[in-house]
Amino acid sequence: MKKALLGIGFFLLVSCGEESTPKPNAQLRLEYPNATYGELNSDCSFNFMVNDLAKIKSKQPCTFEINYPKMKGTIYITYKNVNNNIDSLLRDAQKLTYDHVVKADEIITQPYINKERKVYGMFSEVGGNAATNAQFYVTDSTKNFIYGSMYFYAKPNFDSILPAASYIKDDIRKIIETVEWK
């Protein structure tokens, strides 16, 4: 009996060690196909390349929704004529971006300049649980102004939508880089 109690006592002492911690739940890994692009031909005063996976809806003249049904996200694009109001258009576009500063962890802006094609703009990445993750504008500063923003049909949770947001941000950059004025 003594040997049994010593054996149990020894077992209890040896088995006590570090506490085990539960492992976190696995996260869904989302992967999307490589993007292929085609030209958006419109009756507007501009063209640009758009992802072939996206569905394009024209809402008003020169206003588009570029929908990504599998990602439940949309890029909203609005066109405005510049009529000696470039300052107010720029101010409004920047205000719309910085309205998200309340929920955003950070806002990183990247200017875009292509003097050969006369395309000047700004791409803004909004980090954190803001309603939008990216916004942009491009202009030729004399006649044309395009403003765009990306939204998802889900409660903002940056970690959950990160793969889709990164994919669509690449498409936004492609739009900016391929804008051509007619």
C-alpha atoms as a PDB file:
ATOM      1  CA  MET A   1       0.000   0.000   0.000  1.00  0.00           C
ATOM      2  CA  LYS A   2       2.889   2.316   0.872  1.00  0.00           C
ATOM      3  CA  LYS A   3       4.485   1.648  -2.494  1.00  0.00           C
ATOM      4  CA  ALA A   4       1.201   2.469  -4.257  1.00  0.00           C
ATOM      5  CA  LEU A   5       0.862   5.791  -2.410  1.00  0.00           C
ATOM      6  CA  LEU A   6       4.506   6.664  -3.159  1.00  0.00           C
ATOM      7  CA  GLY A   7       3.943   5.758  -6.832  1.00  0.00           C
ATOM      8  CA  ILE A   8       0.835   7.960  -7.038  1.00  0.00           C
ATOM      9  CA  GLY A   9       2.621  10.809  -5.221  1.00  0.00           C
ATOM     10  CA  PHE A  10       5.611  10.539  -7.546  1.00  0.00           C
ATOM     11  CA  PHE A  11       3.303  10.465 -10.574  1.00  0.00           C
ATOM     12  CA  LEU A  12       1.474  13.591  -9.394  1.00  0.00           C
ATOM     13  CA  LEU A  13       4.743  15.473  -8.832  1.00  0.00           C
ATOM     14  CA  VAL A  14       6.164  14.503 -12.213  1.00  0.00           C
ATOM     15  CA  SER A  15       2.957  15.212 -14.099  1.00  0.00           C
ATOM     16  CA  CYS A  16       2.692  18.759 -12.746  1.00  0.00           C
ATOM     17  CA  GLY A  17       4.358  21.102 -15.143  1.00  0.00           C
ATOM     18  CA  GLU A  18       3.429  23.949 -17.394  1.00  0.00           C
ATOM     19  CA  GLU A  19      -0.226  24.607 -17.877  1.00  0.00           C
ATOM     20  CA  SER A  20      -1.470  23.728 -21.302  1.00  0.00           C
ATOM     21  CA  THR A  21      -3.043  26.559 -23.205  1.00  0.00           C
ATOM     22  CA  PRO A  22      -5.811  26.072 -25.711  1.00  0.00           C
ATOM     23  CA  LYS A  23      -4.867  26.670 -29.322  1.00  0.00           C
ATOM     24  CA  PRO A  24      -6.714  29.431 -31.192  1.00  0.00           C
ATOM     25  CA  ASN A  25      -9.338  28.477 -33.717  1.00  0.00           C
ATOM     26  CA  ALA A  26      -8.082  28.143 -37.255  1.00  0.00           C
ATOM     27  CA  GLN A  27      -8.745  31.023 -39.623  1.00  0.00           C
ATOM     28  CA  LEU A  28     -10.206  30.648 -43.083  1.00  0.00           C
ATOM     29  CA  ARG A  29      -7.579  31.194 -45.752  1.00  0.00           C
ATOM     30  CA  LEU A  30      -9.009  33.111 -48.672  1.00  0.00           C
ATOM     31  CA  GLU A  31      -7.219  33.017 -51.983  1.00  0.00           C
ATOM     32  CA  TYR A  32      -8.352  34.678 -55.170  1.00  0.00           C
ATOM     33  CA  PRO A  33      -7.348  33.999 -58.770  1.00  0.00           C
ATOM     34  CA  ASN A  34      -4.762  36.152 -60.491  1.00  0.00           C
ATOM     35  CA  ALA A  35      -6.405  39.242 -61.899  1.00  0.00           C
ATOM     36  CA  THR A  36      -6.910  39.690 -65.618  1.00  0.00           C
ATOM     37  CA  TYR A  37      -7.972  43.077 -66.866  1.00  0.00           C
ATOM     38  CA  GLY A  38     -10.052  44.409 -69.705  1.00  0.00           C
ATOM     39  CA  GLU A  39     -10.737  47.975 -70.725  1.00  0.00           C
ATOM     40  CA  LEU A  40     -13.868  49.719 -69.498  1.00  0.00           C
ATOM     41  CA  ASN A  41     -15.149  51.441 -72.597  1.00  0.00           C
ATOM     42  CA  SER A  42     -17.727  54.053 -71.818  1.00  0.00           C
ATOM     43  CA  ASP A  43     -19.273  57.123 -73.349  1.00  0.00           C
ATOM     44  CA  CYS A  44     -17.558  59.146 -70.649  1.00  0.00           C
ATOM     45  CA  SER A  45     -14.446  61.249 -71.125  1.00  0.00           C
ATOM     46  CA  PHE A  46     -12.221  58.518 -69.665  1.00  0.00           C
ATOM     47  CA  ASN A  47     -11.304  54.845 -69.917  1.00  0.00           C
ATOM     48  CA  PHE A  48      -9.487  52.528 -67.537  1.00  0.00           C
ATOM     49  CA  MET A  49      -8.745  48.849 -67.020  1.00  0.00           C
ATOM     50  CA  VAL A  50     -11.014  46.801 -64.764  1.00  0.00           C
ATOM     51  CA  ASN A  51     -10.753  43.271 -63.355  1.00  0.00           C
ATOM     52  CA  ASP A  52     -12.609  40.696 -65.453  1.00  0.00           C
ATOM     53  CA  LEU A  53     -14.020  39.113 -62.263  1.00  0.00           C
ATOM     54  CA  ALA A  54     -15.876  42.307 -61.409  1.00  0.00           C
ATOM     55  CA  LYS A  55     -19.420  43.125 -62.464  1.00  0.00           C
ATOM     56  CA  ILE A  56     -19.898  46.720 -63.615  1.00  0.00           C
ATOM     57  CA  LYS A  57     -23.125  48.628 -63.120  1.00  0.00           C
ATOM     58  CA  SER A  58     -23.654  52.089 -64.523  1.00  0.00           C
ATOM     59  CA  LYS A  59     -25.782  54.088 -62.086  1.00  0.00           C
ATOM     60  CA  GLN A  60     -25.846  57.545 -63.643  1.00  0.00           C
ATOM     61  CA  PRO A  61     -23.925  58.946 -66.555  1.00  0.00           C
ATOM     62  CA  CYS A  62     -20.251  58.296 -65.780  1.00  0.00           C
ATOM     63  CA  THR A  63     -20.948  56.882 -62.312  1.00  0.00           C
ATOM     64  CA  PHE A  64     -20.122  53.214 -61.821  1.00  0.00           C
ATOM     65  CA  GLU A  65     -20.284  50.442 -59.269  1.00  0.00           C
ATOM     66  CA  ILE A  66     -17.596  47.810 -59.735  1.00  0.00           C
ATOM     67  CA  ASN A  67     -18.937  44.835 -57.775  1.00  0.00           C
ATOM     68  CA  TYR A  68     -16.982  41.835 -56.541  1.00  0.00           C
ATOM     69  CA  PRO A  69     -19.791  39.391 -55.672  1.00  0.00           C
ATOM     70  CA  LYS A  70     -17.568  36.643 -54.225  1.00  0.00           C
ATOM     71  CA  MET A  71     -15.863  39.157 -51.933  1.00  0.00           C
ATOM     72  CA  LYS A  72     -19.016  41.126 -51.145  1.00  0.00           C
ATOM     73  CA  GLY A  73     -17.214  44.348 -51.955  1.00  0.00           C
ATOM     74  CA  THR A  74     -17.751  47.276 -54.306  1.00  0.00           C
ATOM     75  CA  ILE A  75     -15.710  50.134 -55.708  1.00  0.00           C
ATOM     76  CA  TYR A  76     -17.929  53.181 -56.208  1.00  0.00           C
ATOM     77  CA  ILE A  77     -16.687  55.547 -58.919  1.00  0.00           C
ATOM     78  CA  THR A  78     -18.043  59.055 -59.465  1.00  0.00           C
ATOM     79  CA  TYR A  79     -17.094  61.423 -62.260  1.00  0.00           C
ATOM     80  CA  LYS A  80     -17.303  65.222 -62.057  1.00  0.00           C
ATOM     81  CA  ASN A  81     -16.533  67.899 -64.612  1.00  0.00           C
ATOM     82  CA  VAL A  82     -13.971  70.441 -63.510  1.00  0.00           C
ATOM     83  CA  ASN A  83     -15.380  73.945 -63.991  1.00  0.00           C
ATOM     84  CA  ASN A  84     -12.924  76.187 -62.152  1.00  0.00           C
ATOM     85  CA  ASN A  85     -13.781  74.184 -59.017  1.00  0.00           C
ATOM     86  CA  ILE A  86     -10.775  71.881 -58.717  1.00  0.00           C
ATOM     87  CA  ASP A  87      -9.995  73.201 -55.226  1.00  0.00           C
ATOM     88  CA  SER A  88     -13.434  72.300 -53.872  1.00  0.00           C
ATOM     89  CA  LEU A  89     -13.371  68.875 -55.588  1.00  0.00           C
ATOM     90  CA  LEU A  90      -9.985  68.100 -54.035  1.00  0.00           C
ATOM     91  CA  ARG A  91     -11.099  69.376 -50.641  1.00  0.00           C
ATOM     92  CA  ASP A  92     -14.290  67.258 -50.764  1.00  0.00           C
ATOM     93  CA  ALA A  93     -12.382  64.120 -51.779  1.00  0.00           C
ATOM     94  CA  GLN A  94      -9.866  64.569 -48.974  1.00  0.00           C
ATOM     95  CA  LYS A  95     -12.628  65.339 -46.471  1.00  0.00           C
ATOM     96  CA  LEU A  96     -14.423  62.108 -47.381  1.00  0.00           C
ATOM     97  CA  THR A  97     -11.230  60.190 -46.670  1.00  0.00           C
ATOM     98  CA  TYR A  98     -10.534  61.886 -43.353  1.00  0.00           C
ATOM     99  CA  ASP A  99     -14.144  61.491 -42.172  1.00  0.00           C
ATOM    100  CA  HIS A 100     -13.085  57.903 -41.374  1.00  0.00           C
ATOM    101  CA  VAL A 101     -10.317  58.978 -38.994  1.00  0.00           C
ATOM    102  CA  VAL A 102     -12.616  58.250 -36.018  1.00  0.00           C
ATOM    103  CA  LYS A 103     -12.529  54.480 -36.651  1.00  0.00           C
ATOM    104  CA  ALA A 104      -9.289  54.263 -38.614  1.00  0.00           C
ATOM    105  CA  ASP A 105      -6.045  53.114 -37.049  1.00  0.00           C
ATOM    106  CA  GLU A 106      -4.103  54.934 -39.741  1.00  0.00           C
ATOM    107  CA  ILE A 107      -4.528  56.627 -43.096  1.00  0.00           C
ATOM    108  CA  ILE A 108      -1.665  56.273 -45.551  1.00  0.00           C
ATOM    109  CA  THR A 109      -1.769  58.478 -48.641  1.00  0.00           C
ATOM    110  CA  GLN A 110       0.202  57.851 -51.804  1.00  0.00           C
ATOM    111  CA  PRO A 111       0.281  60.539 -54.507  1.00  0.00           C
ATOM    112  CA  TYR A 112       0.142  59.506 -58.142  1.00  0.00           C
ATOM    113  CA  ILE A 113       1.569  61.629 -60.969  1.00  0.00           C
ATOM    114  CA  ASN A 114       1.774  60.719 -64.642  1.00  0.00           C
ATOM    115  CA  LYS A 115       2.651  63.883 -66.577  1.00  0.00           C
ATOM    116  CA  GLU A 116       2.642  62.144 -69.975  1.00  0.00           C
ATOM    117  CA  ARG A 117      -1.014  61.115 -69.665  1.00  0.00           C
ATOM    118  CA  LYS A 118      -1.923  64.141 -67.486  1.00  0.00           C
ATOM    119  CA  VAL A 119      -3.206  61.997 -64.637  1.00  0.00           C
ATOM    120  CA  TYR A 120      -2.700  63.309 -61.106  1.00  0.00           C
ATOM    121  CA  GLY A 121      -4.220  61.796 -58.019  1.00  0.00           C
ATOM    122  CA  MET A 122      -4.077  60.337 -54.565  1.00  0.00           C
ATOM    123  CA  PHE A 123      -4.614  56.816 -53.240  1.00  0.00           C
ATOM    124  CA  SER A 124      -5.505  56.537 -49.549  1.00  0.00           C
ATOM    125  CA  GLU A 125      -5.378  53.324 -47.545  1.00  0.00           C
ATOM    126  CA  VAL A 126      -7.517  53.406 -44.429  1.00  0.00           C
ATOM    127  CA  GLY A 127      -6.325  50.922 -41.803  1.00  0.00           C
ATOM    128  CA  GLY A 128      -8.481  49.528 -39.025  1.00  0.00           C
ATOM    129  CA  ASN A 129     -12.212  48.968 -38.695  1.00  0.00           C
ATOM    130  CA  ALA A 130     -13.325  51.940 -40.786  1.00  0.00           C
ATOM    131  CA  ALA A 131     -16.242  51.683 -43.204  1.00  0.00           C
ATOM    132  CA  THR A 132     -13.919  52.004 -46.182  1.00  0.00           C
ATOM    133  CA  ASN A 133     -10.438  50.560 -46.630  1.00  0.00           C
ATOM    134  CA  ALA A 134      -9.378  52.566 -49.665  1.00  0.00           C
ATOM    135  CA  GLN A 135     -10.289  55.770 -51.443  1.00  0.00           C
ATOM    136  CA  PHE A 136      -8.782  57.556 -54.400  1.00  0.00           C
ATOM    137  CA  TYR A 137      -9.157  60.401 -56.825  1.00  0.00           C
ATOM    138  CA  VAL A 138      -7.578  61.202 -60.187  1.00  0.00           C
ATOM    139  CA  THR A 139      -7.827  64.321 -62.295  1.00  0.00           C
ATOM    140  CA  ASP A 140      -6.302  66.094 -65.228  1.00  0.00           C
ATOM    141  CA  SER A 141      -6.845  69.287 -63.168  1.00  0.00           C
ATOM    142  CA  THR A 142      -8.581  71.128 -66.005  1.00  0.00           C
ATOM    143  CA  LYS A 143     -11.626  69.131 -67.189  1.00  0.00           C
ATOM    144  CA  ASN A 144     -12.014  65.765 -65.454  1.00  0.00           C
ATOM    145  CA  PHE A 145     -12.199  64.501 -61.882  1.00  0.00           C
ATOM    146  CA  ILE A 146     -12.836  60.891 -60.788  1.00  0.00           C
ATOM    147  CA  TYR A 147     -13.419  59.905 -57.184  1.00  0.00           C
ATOM    148  CA  GLY A 148     -13.636  56.315 -55.942  1.00  0.00           C
ATOM    149  CA  SER A 149     -14.035  54.395 -52.708  1.00  0.00           C
ATOM    150  CA  MET A 150     -14.169  50.747 -51.676  1.00  0.00           C
ATOM    151  CA  TYR A 151     -16.813  49.322 -49.346  1.00  0.00           C
ATOM    152  CA  PHE A 152     -17.737  45.832 -48.161  1.00  0.00           C
ATOM    153  CA  TYR A 153     -21.204  44.498 -47.355  1.00  0.00           C
ATOM    154  CA  ALA A 154     -20.133  43.455 -43.878  1.00  0.00           C
ATOM    155  CA  LYS A 155     -19.522  44.939 -40.466  1.00  0.00           C
ATOM    156  CA  PRO A 156     -16.033  46.470 -40.580  1.00  0.00           C
ATOM    157  CA  ASN A 157     -13.563  43.953 -39.185  1.00  0.00           C
ATOM    158  CA  PHE A 158     -10.171  44.646 -40.686  1.00  0.00           C
ATOM    159  CA  ASP A 159      -8.695  41.206 -39.999  1.00  0.00           C
ATOM    160  CA  SER A 160     -11.578  39.365 -41.634  1.00  0.00           C
ATOM    161  CA  ILE A 161     -11.677  41.353 -44.868  1.00  0.00           C
ATOM    162  CA  LEU A 162      -7.923  41.852 -45.236  1.00  0.00           C
ATOM    163  CA  PRO A 163      -7.401  39.343 -48.096  1.00  0.00           C
ATOM    164  CA  ALA A 164     -10.307  40.734 -50.121  1.00  0.00           C
ATOM    165  CA  ALA A 165      -9.346  44.334 -49.326  1.00  0.00           C
ATOM    166  CA  SER A 166      -5.765  43.724 -50.503  1.00  0.00           C
ATOM    167  CA  TYR A 167      -7.012  42.151 -53.734  1.00  0.00           C
ATOM    168  CA  ILE A 168      -9.370  45.046 -54.488  1.00  0.00           C
ATOM    169  CA  LYS A 169      -6.726  47.649 -53.544  1.00  0.00           C
ATOM    170  CA  ASP A 170      -4.531  46.183 -56.277  1.00  0.00           C
ATOM    171  CA  ASP A 171      -7.428  46.663 -58.699  1.00  0.00           C
ATOM    172  CA  ILE A 172      -7.827  50.274 -57.562  1.00  0.00           C
ATOM    173  CA  ARG A 173      -4.152  50.883 -58.240  1.00  0.00           C
ATOM    174  CA  LYS A 174      -4.654  49.381 -61.711  1.00  0.00           C
ATOM    175  CA  ILE A 175      -7.567  51.752 -62.317  1.00  0.00           C
ATOM    176  CA  ILE A 176      -5.459  54.752 -61.271  1.00  0.00           C
ATOM    177  CA  GLU A 177      -2.488  53.682 -63.402  1.00  0.00           C
ATOM    178  CA  THR A 178      -4.584  53.052 -66.521  1.00  0.00           C
ATOM    179  CA  VAL A 179      -6.898  56.070 -66.555  1.00  0.00           C
ATOM    180  CA  GLU A 180      -6.844  57.731 -69.962  1.00  0.00           C
ATOM    181  CA  TRP A 181      -8.686  60.922 -70.809  1.00  0.00           C
ATOM    182  CA  LYS A 182     -10.493  61.143 -74.133  1.00  0.00           C
END
